[in-house]
Amino acid sequence: MPDVMTLRNGLLIVCAVFLSVSIFFCLMRSALGPRYTDRITAASIIGTKVIVLIAVLALVVGEDYLADICLIYAIISFLSVVVLGRSVLENKEDSEE
């Protein structure tokens, strides 16, 4: 009978693979999105999924410092979405004038 830790790590690796595939599809949406809002939303989703992926990998390898990296990446991801949104709004206002 398999050990509980082996089953846990197997499940976490399956989650990591699923997250990686879904990040790839979000990356496709970000590249092919017909509007800027689709691209910004896809970038935000990619950031969130990468944070979850880092957290899952932190559980697999058992390193606590990766949780700190998740927090730092969350702040950077949030700021990047805010900057992208602001730049789109500025470009939209400039084109209307």
Protein backbone atom coordinates (compact mmCIF):
# COMPACT_ATOMS: atom_id res chain seq x y z
CA MET A 1 0.00 0.00 0.00
CA PRO A 2 1.41 3.39 -1.00
CA ASP A 3 2.49 5.83 1.64
CA VAL A 4 0.30 8.87 2.33
CA MET A 5 3.14 11.28 1.50
CA THR A 6 3.67 9.57 -1.85
CA LEU A 7 -0.01 9.95 -2.71
CA ARG A 8 0.04 13.58 -1.54
CA ASN A 9 3.07 14.42 -3.66
CA GLY A 10 1.55 12.65 -6.66
CA LEU A 11 -1.65 14.65 -6.31
CA LEU A 12 0.30 17.89 -5.95
CA ILE A 13 2.32 17.11 -9.07
CA VAL A 14 -0.89 16.42 -11.01
CA CYS A 15 -2.18 19.80 -9.78
CA ALA A 16 1.05 21.46 -10.92
CA VAL A 17 0.74 19.93 -14.39
CA PHE A 18 -2.91 21.02 -14.64
CA LEU A 19 -1.97 24.56 -13.56
CA SER A 20 0.85 24.65 -16.11
CA VAL A 21 -1.50 23.64 -18.93
CA SER A 22 -4.09 26.20 -17.86
CA ILE A 23 -1.39 28.89 -17.67
CA PHE A 24 -0.47 28.02 -21.25
CA PHE A 25 -4.10 28.48 -22.37
CA CYS A 26 -4.27 31.82 -20.55
CA LEU A 27 -1.05 32.82 -22.28
CA MET A 28 -2.68 32.02 -25.61
CA ARG A 29 -5.66 34.20 -24.64
CA SER A 30 -3.27 36.95 -23.66
CA ALA A 31 -1.50 36.79 -27.00
CA LEU A 32 -4.59 36.34 -29.19
CA GLY A 33 -7.17 38.34 -27.24
CA PRO A 34 -9.20 40.60 -29.50
CA ARG A 35 -9.37 43.42 -26.92
CA TYR A 36 -7.02 44.92 -24.38
CA THR A 37 -9.37 43.96 -21.56
CA ASP A 38 -9.03 40.28 -22.53
CA ARG A 39 -5.27 40.61 -22.43
CA ILE A 40 -5.20 42.38 -19.07
CA THR A 41 -7.60 39.83 -17.57
CA ALA A 42 -5.49 36.97 -18.93
CA ALA A 43 -2.35 38.55 -17.45
CA SER A 44 -4.07 38.81 -14.07
CA ILE A 45 -5.19 35.17 -14.23
CA ILE A 46 -1.70 34.06 -15.23
CA GLY A 47 -0.28 35.88 -12.22
CA THR A 48 -2.77 34.23 -9.88
CA LYS A 49 -2.13 30.77 -11.29
CA VAL A 50 1.63 31.20 -11.05
CA ILE A 51 1.24 32.13 -7.38
CA VAL A 52 -0.78 28.95 -6.79
CA LEU A 53 1.76 26.93 -8.78
CA ILE A 54 4.63 28.24 -6.64
CA ALA A 55 2.65 27.42 -3.49
CA VAL A 56 1.99 23.87 -4.72
CA LEU A 57 5.65 23.39 -5.58
CA ALA A 58 6.56 24.72 -2.13
CA LEU A 59 4.49 21.92 -0.63
CA VAL A 60 6.09 19.31 -2.88
CA VAL A 61 9.69 20.28 -2.16
CA GLY A 62 9.01 21.30 1.46
CA GLU A 63 10.74 24.68 1.31
CA ASP A 64 9.18 27.42 3.42
CA TYR A 65 10.88 30.35 1.71
CA LEU A 66 8.78 29.76 -1.42
CA ALA A 67 5.75 31.11 0.48
CA ASP A 68 7.59 34.43 0.79
CA ILE A 69 8.26 34.35 -2.93
CA CYS A 70 4.52 33.82 -3.49
CA LEU A 71 3.74 36.97 -1.52
CA ILE A 72 6.31 39.03 -3.38
CA TYR A 73 5.07 37.71 -6.72
CA ALA A 74 1.48 38.56 -5.73
CA ILE A 75 2.45 42.18 -5.07
CA ILE A 76 4.36 42.42 -8.35
CA SER A 77 1.48 40.82 -10.27
CA PHE A 78 -1.04 43.22 -8.75
CA LEU A 79 1.10 46.23 -9.59
CA SER A 80 1.65 45.03 -13.16
CA VAL A 81 -2.11 44.69 -13.74
CA VAL A 82 -2.68 48.17 -12.30
CA VAL A 83 0.01 49.65 -14.54
CA LEU A 84 -1.37 47.86 -17.62
CA GLY A 85 -4.89 49.04 -16.85
CA ARG A 86 -3.76 52.61 -16.30
CA SER A 87 -1.78 52.64 -19.55
CA VAL A 88 -4.78 51.33 -21.48
CA LEU A 89 -7.00 54.01 -19.95
CA GLU A 90 -4.49 56.74 -20.80
CA ASN A 91 -4.20 55.50 -24.39
CA LYS A 92 -7.99 55.37 -24.68
CA GLU A 93 -8.35 58.93 -23.35
CA ASP A 94 -5.66 60.19 -25.73
CA SER A 95 -7.38 58.58 -28.72
CA GLU A 96 -10.75 60.14 -27.79
CA GLU A 97 -9.35 63.68 -27.72
